[in-house]
Amino acid sequence: DLYVRKILSKLCNAKIVHSKDTIKRMQKLGFDIRNTYVIPHGNYINSYKNNITKNVATKIFKFNKKDFIFLFFGVIDKYKGIDTLLKAFKQLTKSRKNVRLLIAGKCPNKDLNLLLDKYKEELESKLKLNIHFIEENKVQYYFNCVDIVVYSFKKITTSGSVILALSF
């Protein structure tokens, strides 16, 4: 994969990245950084409907008004540290009774699906999983029902899901 990327970096007339740091990382890995341009990742403000209240969104997911709800939203992959998040959340449930974790997004990795199932069994009602593509018209339900969005990425340059969360 890295070898093919290095070849492509030499063949491309232009390369677009979202930060100057990415160019530095490319250079360290031996990529051709000529004709590399930084175009910051845009936001999603006004890109999704955002017209329901927290009360309505909370009822959709059948959460209690007293619950403190965490959200992980986006494609679930190893580099996003979902294993770390699940461990930390499980630990938190020992001292906090009204916490809930909502995880929403596709998970193409079979091992991560098994891990999610394991934690769902252990945490029961404290963990709600919607492991599939989230339709555009339902995105607001997720962001409007939670108290905080959490990400535990192990590696990151730019994240559309973090920018989406900030946009809400």
Foldseek 3Di string as FASTA:
>chain_A
DLVVQQVVLVVDPAAEDADPVVLVVCVVSPHDCPRYYHDHDDFCAVVADAPDALVVLCVVVVADPPAAEEEEEEEDDVQFPVVVVLVVVVVVCVPDVRYAYEYAEAYPDPVVVVVLVVSCVVVPRRYHYHHYHDDRNCPNSRLNNHDYYDIDGNDDDDDRRVSHSVSD
